[in-house]
Protein backbone atom coordinates (compact mmCIF):
# COMPACT_ATOMS: atom_id res chain seq x y z
CA MET A 1 -70.68 101.88 33.32
CA PRO A 2 -70.27 102.54 29.37
CA SER A 3 -71.73 106.34 28.43
CA ASN A 4 -74.63 106.63 26.61
CA ARG A 5 -73.39 110.10 24.95
CA PRO A 6 -72.90 109.99 21.36
CA ARG A 7 -68.93 109.78 20.50
CA ARG A 8 -67.76 113.26 18.55
CA HIS A 9 -66.17 112.22 15.30
CA SER A 10 -63.37 114.85 13.83
CA ASN A 11 -63.48 115.50 10.05
CA ARG A 12 -59.60 115.80 10.35
CA PRO A 13 -57.58 113.04 8.42
CA ARG A 14 -55.81 110.88 10.21
CA ARG A 15 -51.71 111.33 9.49
CA PRO A 16 -50.54 108.31 7.61
CA ASN A 17 -48.15 106.02 8.93
CA PRO A 18 -45.39 106.35 6.53
CA ASP A 19 -44.55 102.48 7.31
CA ASN A 20 -47.98 101.33 6.08
CA ASP A 21 -47.92 103.51 3.27
CA PRO A 22 -47.55 101.45 -0.08
CA GLN A 23 -46.56 104.81 -2.01
CA HIS A 24 -43.95 105.91 0.51
CA PHE A 25 -42.65 102.35 0.53
CA ASP A 26 -42.27 102.57 -3.23
CA LYS A 27 -41.19 106.11 -3.30
CA SER A 28 -38.10 104.90 -0.82
CA LEU A 29 -37.36 101.70 -3.27
CA GLN A 30 -37.65 103.93 -6.02
CA ALA A 31 -35.04 106.59 -4.70
CA LYS A 32 -33.00 103.56 -3.73
CA SER A 33 -32.95 102.58 -7.27
CA HIS A 34 -31.36 105.80 -8.76
CA LEU A 35 -28.17 105.15 -6.18
CA ALA A 36 -25.42 103.73 -7.87
CA GLN A 37 -24.10 100.77 -6.06
CA PRO A 38 -20.76 98.70 -5.86
CA ILE A 39 -20.37 96.41 -8.62
CA CYS A 40 -19.09 93.32 -5.92
CA PRO A 41 -20.16 93.25 -2.28
CA PRO A 42 -18.02 94.16 0.38
CA SER A 43 -15.75 91.41 1.40
CA ASN A 44 -17.13 91.36 5.10
CA SER A 45 -20.58 92.25 4.30
CA ARG A 46 -23.81 89.72 5.58
CA LEU A 47 -25.60 89.60 2.73
CA ALA A 48 -29.24 88.48 2.91
CA SER A 49 -30.26 84.80 2.31
CA VAL A 50 -32.49 83.74 -0.21
CA TYR A 51 -33.57 79.88 0.03
CA LEU A 52 -34.79 77.62 -2.63
CA SER A 53 -36.05 74.25 -2.28
CA LYS A 54 -33.76 72.94 -4.79
CA PRO A 55 -30.74 74.08 -6.55
CA THR A 56 -30.60 75.57 -10.24
CA SER A 57 -28.25 76.37 -13.19
CA HIS A 58 -30.10 79.26 -14.72
CA PRO A 59 -29.78 82.97 -14.17
CA THR A 60 -33.08 83.95 -13.52
CA VAL A 61 -35.04 82.91 -10.09
CA TYR A 62 -38.40 83.70 -10.35
CA ARG A 63 -40.00 84.96 -7.12
CA LYS A 64 -42.64 81.77 -7.10
CA ARG A 65 -39.59 79.80 -6.63
CA ILE A 66 -38.30 81.34 -3.37
CA LYS A 67 -38.94 78.93 -0.32
CA GLN A 68 -37.51 81.90 2.03
CA VAL A 69 -35.90 85.27 2.29
CA VAL A 70 -34.06 86.03 5.94
CA GLY A 71 -32.94 89.48 6.28
CA LYS A 72 -34.05 92.53 4.60
CA PRO A 73 -32.41 92.90 1.25
CA GLU A 74 -33.69 96.11 -0.66
CA VAL A 75 -33.61 96.77 -4.36
CA GLY A 76 -30.35 95.74 -6.19
CA ASP A 77 -28.48 94.17 -3.33
CA TRP A 78 -26.33 91.43 -3.48
CA VAL A 79 -27.90 88.04 -1.92
CA SER A 80 -26.76 84.71 -1.09
CA LEU A 81 -28.56 81.78 -2.33
CA TYR A 82 -28.93 78.43 -0.30
CA HIS A 83 -30.88 75.53 -1.50
CA GLN A 84 -32.56 73.10 1.27
CA GLU A 85 -34.86 70.19 -0.33
CA LEU A 86 -35.92 69.39 3.11
CA ASP A 87 -36.48 70.97 6.31
CA ASP A 88 -34.04 69.30 8.40
CA GLN A 89 -31.17 69.52 6.03
CA GLU A 90 -28.71 71.99 6.41
CA PRO A 91 -28.98 74.80 3.52
CA LYS A 92 -26.23 74.85 1.12
CA LEU A 93 -24.94 77.96 -0.32
CA PHE A 94 -24.41 77.48 -4.17
CA ALA A 95 -24.43 80.71 -5.68
CA TYR A 96 -24.86 84.77 -5.38
CA GLY A 97 -26.89 87.09 -7.27
CA LEU A 98 -28.77 90.53 -7.19
CA TYR A 99 -32.15 91.04 -5.87
CA ASN A 100 -35.21 92.85 -6.62
CA PRO A 101 -38.11 93.13 -4.08
CA LYS A 102 -40.86 94.27 -7.12
CA SER A 103 -39.89 92.09 -9.89
CA GLU A 104 -41.61 88.77 -10.68
CA ILE A 105 -37.51 87.86 -11.43
CA ALA A 106 -36.63 88.35 -7.88
CA VAL A 107 -33.00 87.16 -8.36
CA ARG A 108 -30.52 87.41 -11.16
CA VAL A 109 -27.78 84.99 -10.69
CA LEU A 110 -23.72 86.00 -11.29
CA ARG A 111 -22.22 83.49 -9.68
CA PHE A 112 -22.98 80.00 -9.26
CA SER A 113 -20.06 79.16 -6.28
CA ASP A 114 -20.15 79.56 -2.58
CA GLN A 115 -17.29 82.19 -3.32
CA LEU A 116 -18.03 85.72 -2.95
CA PRO A 117 -17.82 87.70 -6.42
CA ASP A 118 -14.84 90.27 -6.16
CA ASP A 119 -13.19 92.69 -8.36
CA ALA A 120 -11.21 89.62 -10.38
CA PHE A 121 -14.05 87.94 -11.16
CA ILE A 122 -16.12 90.41 -12.63
CA ASP A 123 -12.66 91.35 -14.89
CA GLN A 124 -12.78 87.69 -15.39
CA LEU A 125 -16.25 88.27 -17.20
CA LEU A 126 -15.36 91.24 -19.14
CA ASP A 127 -11.95 90.04 -19.99
CA ARG A 128 -13.88 86.34 -21.41
CA ALA A 129 -16.64 88.60 -23.56
CA ILE A 130 -13.83 90.65 -24.86
CA GLN A 131 -11.56 87.66 -26.00
CA LEU A 132 -14.81 86.34 -27.77
CA ARG A 133 -15.43 88.89 -29.80
CA VAL A 134 -12.11 89.69 -30.73
CA GLU A 135 -9.74 86.90 -30.56
CA THR A 136 -12.40 84.10 -31.34
CA LEU A 137 -14.73 86.06 -33.53
CA GLY A 138 -12.22 88.28 -35.04
CA LEU A 139 -14.73 91.25 -35.07
CA ASP A 140 -12.25 94.02 -35.17
CA GLU A 141 -10.85 92.97 -38.38
CA VAL A 142 -14.19 93.42 -40.02
CA THR A 143 -16.35 96.13 -38.09
CA ASP A 144 -15.28 98.52 -34.86
CA SER A 145 -19.15 97.94 -34.02
CA TYR A 146 -20.36 94.95 -32.44
CA ARG A 147 -22.31 93.59 -29.19
CA LEU A 148 -19.63 93.28 -26.56
CA ILE A 149 -22.07 92.49 -23.55
CA HIS A 150 -24.56 90.02 -24.11
CA ALA A 151 -26.45 90.05 -20.60
CA GLU A 152 -26.76 86.16 -19.60
CA ALA A 153 -24.78 84.96 -22.02
CA ASP A 154 -21.86 86.86 -20.54
CA GLY A 155 -22.49 86.19 -17.18
CA LEU A 156 -24.12 89.78 -16.97
CA PRO A 157 -27.94 89.14 -16.78
CA GLY A 158 -29.64 92.68 -17.00
CA LEU A 159 -27.02 94.34 -19.35
CA VAL A 160 -26.66 94.56 -23.03
CA VAL A 161 -23.51 96.76 -24.39
CA ASP A 162 -22.97 97.30 -27.80
CA ARG A 163 -19.64 99.08 -29.23
CA TYR A 164 -19.82 101.79 -31.69
CA GLY A 165 -16.04 102.95 -32.81
CA ASP A 166 -15.40 104.98 -29.54
CA CYS A 167 -18.69 104.45 -27.56
CA LEU A 168 -20.38 102.00 -25.17
CA SER A 169 -23.99 102.12 -25.36
CA ALA A 170 -25.43 100.22 -23.02
CA GLU A 171 -28.90 98.91 -22.75
CA ILE A 172 -30.84 98.19 -19.02
CA PHE A 173 -33.23 95.30 -18.29
CA ALA A 174 -32.60 95.18 -14.53
CA ILE A 175 -32.51 97.71 -11.82
CA ALA A 176 -29.81 96.36 -10.13
CA MET A 177 -27.67 96.69 -13.70
CA ALA A 178 -28.56 100.04 -13.82
CA GLN A 179 -27.21 100.67 -10.23
CA ARG A 180 -23.92 99.34 -11.63
CA ALA A 181 -23.40 100.03 -15.51
CA GLU A 182 -21.74 102.98 -15.08
CA ALA A 183 -19.31 101.37 -13.09
CA ILE A 184 -19.00 98.56 -15.35
CA LEU A 185 -18.64 100.54 -18.80
CA GLU A 186 -15.75 102.63 -17.25
CA ARG A 187 -13.72 98.89 -16.53
CA LEU A 188 -14.76 98.25 -20.71
CA GLN A 189 -13.39 101.87 -21.25
CA VAL A 190 -9.77 100.83 -19.38
CA LYS A 191 -9.69 97.30 -21.27
CA LEU A 192 -10.40 98.77 -24.73
CA GLY A 193 -9.43 102.22 -25.12
CA THR A 194 -12.86 103.89 -25.82
CA LYS A 195 -13.84 107.12 -25.03
CA HIS A 196 -17.55 107.76 -24.53
CA TRP A 197 -20.41 105.58 -22.97
CA LEU A 198 -24.10 105.75 -22.58
CA ILE A 199 -26.96 104.24 -20.80
CA GLN A 200 -30.40 103.57 -21.92
CA PRO A 201 -33.21 102.00 -20.28
CA SER A 202 -35.22 99.43 -21.98
CA PRO A 203 -38.86 100.53 -22.82
CA TYR A 204 -39.95 97.59 -20.76
CA LEU A 205 -37.83 98.35 -17.61
CA GLN A 206 -40.74 99.77 -15.67
CA SER A 207 -43.43 97.08 -16.15
CA GLN A 208 -40.81 94.33 -15.66
CA GLU A 209 -38.52 95.99 -12.89
CA GLY A 210 -41.24 97.67 -11.25
CA PHE A 211 -38.71 100.72 -11.41
CA THR A 212 -37.25 102.68 -13.84
CA THR A 213 -33.74 104.86 -14.68
CA ALA A 214 -33.50 108.13 -16.65
CA ALA A 215 -30.73 107.83 -19.78
CA ARG A 216 -27.57 109.00 -18.53
CA ASN A 217 -24.24 109.16 -20.60
CA SER A 218 -20.36 110.31 -20.00
CA PRO A 219 -19.25 113.99 -20.48
CA GLY A 220 -18.75 115.42 -24.27
CA LEU A 221 -20.34 112.29 -25.93
CA PRO A 222 -21.09 112.99 -29.34
CA PRO A 223 -24.81 113.38 -30.93
CA GLN A 224 -23.47 110.31 -33.64
CA VAL A 225 -20.65 108.24 -34.42
CA THR A 226 -19.31 106.78 -37.68
CA ILE A 227 -19.01 102.89 -37.69
CA THR A 228 -17.07 100.71 -40.08
CA GLU A 229 -18.86 97.72 -41.89
CA HIS A 230 -17.08 95.39 -44.12
CA GLY A 231 -15.88 98.76 -45.35
CA THR A 232 -19.03 100.81 -45.27
CA LYS A 233 -19.38 103.61 -42.96
CA PHE A 234 -22.24 104.27 -41.09
CA LYS A 235 -23.48 107.01 -39.04
CA VAL A 236 -25.40 106.12 -35.65
CA HIS A 237 -27.66 108.68 -33.93
CA PHE A 238 -27.70 108.29 -30.34
CA GLY A 239 -30.38 110.80 -29.62
CA THR A 240 -33.17 109.02 -32.14
CA GLY A 241 -31.92 105.64 -32.42
CA HIS A 242 -33.62 102.31 -31.63
CA LYS A 243 -32.51 100.25 -28.72
CA THR A 244 -28.48 101.05 -28.36
CA GLY A 245 -28.42 102.41 -31.70
CA PHE A 246 -27.79 99.91 -34.81
CA PHE A 247 -28.60 96.21 -35.20
CA CYS A 248 -24.96 94.76 -35.09
CA ASP A 249 -26.30 91.25 -34.94
CA GLN A 250 -27.56 91.70 -38.84
CA ARG A 251 -23.63 92.62 -40.08
CA ASP A 252 -23.22 88.81 -41.33
CA ASN A 253 -26.74 88.80 -42.90
CA ARG A 254 -26.12 92.30 -44.45
CA GLN A 255 -22.99 90.59 -46.05
CA LYS A 256 -25.11 87.83 -47.50
CA LEU A 257 -27.47 89.40 -48.81
CA ALA A 258 -25.03 91.37 -51.05
CA GLU A 259 -23.96 88.17 -52.64
CA TYR A 260 -27.11 88.16 -54.57
CA CYS A 261 -27.57 91.78 -55.85
CA SER A 262 -25.43 92.37 -58.42
CA GLY A 263 -27.10 93.71 -61.37
CA ARG A 264 -30.18 94.07 -59.67
CA SER A 265 -33.02 96.34 -57.88
CA VAL A 266 -33.23 96.04 -53.92
CA LEU A 267 -36.14 96.93 -52.24
CA ASP A 268 -35.34 97.34 -48.52
CA VAL A 269 -38.64 97.64 -46.49
CA CYS A 270 -38.91 98.58 -42.57
CA CYS A 271 -35.17 99.16 -43.40
CA TYR A 272 -34.62 101.58 -40.37
CA THR A 273 -31.05 102.81 -40.74
CA GLY A 274 -30.99 101.13 -44.22
CA GLY A 275 -28.40 98.80 -43.62
CA PHE A 276 -29.28 96.27 -45.65
CA ALA A 277 -29.89 98.54 -48.66
CA VAL A 278 -26.88 100.56 -48.16
CA GLN A 279 -24.45 96.85 -48.33
CA ALA A 280 -26.40 95.93 -51.26
CA ALA A 281 -25.37 98.72 -53.33
CA GLN A 282 -22.02 98.97 -51.55
CA LEU A 283 -20.55 95.29 -51.37
CA GLY A 284 -23.06 94.20 -53.73
CA GLY A 285 -23.04 95.82 -56.61
CA ALA A 286 -26.78 96.62 -57.16
CA THR A 287 -28.01 98.74 -59.68
CA ASP A 288 -30.70 100.72 -57.71
CA VAL A 289 -32.09 100.14 -54.13
CA THR A 290 -35.05 101.58 -52.18
CA GLY A 291 -34.91 102.02 -48.29
CA ILE A 292 -38.26 102.50 -46.74
């Protein structure tokens, strides 16, 4: 028979179950996000599988497109991508990418193939990026400062790398790339003969990826380097610079502006490092320049 005696209530707080604690879960993932990962998955690894209803040729896979995840991929893990339009059809492997359980961009695709990414594939991506800048565009003939890796455009989503003389400066937009950036920069150093590297997180990394990472650099990184653009020298300060340190993509625009500046007075508003004003005077022969 049920007892009529009142129950005793303890004021002691219950011990939380870590498996059900979202804060504990976030802390575990945050710890994993700081761990360096191999650039490529081991050849004998069994990857988690991500299923889509339809295949895609875009390197960004949003969470809402995912039909099912089989396995327990963690932040930064490699995953296999399959598409399966009908439930009674055999799933087809079509790509490999890097997974983030906290981001709306759940998978960033690096290889559209049924072949597992390996060292030869990564080297091919890096060699192709270098060849485009050095051989096709001939940038080494006019500058030692240019964008070397431009994220998805070079097959490495979430990673931007600029070259400043002997230094490679990287900005991270995906936590999976933060785990691999140092290894990628070291490979680039071997290919280019550069001496230093710097890795900085995007200011939007926390809000977009659900994680962040601290800036880090190679031992002996100088606080600034001197670069050359069309014969003009600029100092790039890594400690106070915006993004990777200098707007390399405005190089041709600075040269073009100089063509209109001979004998003129030039005002450069919101000039940052003053690239347009300096080239207006140095290349264009402006009578005076003012940078604000």
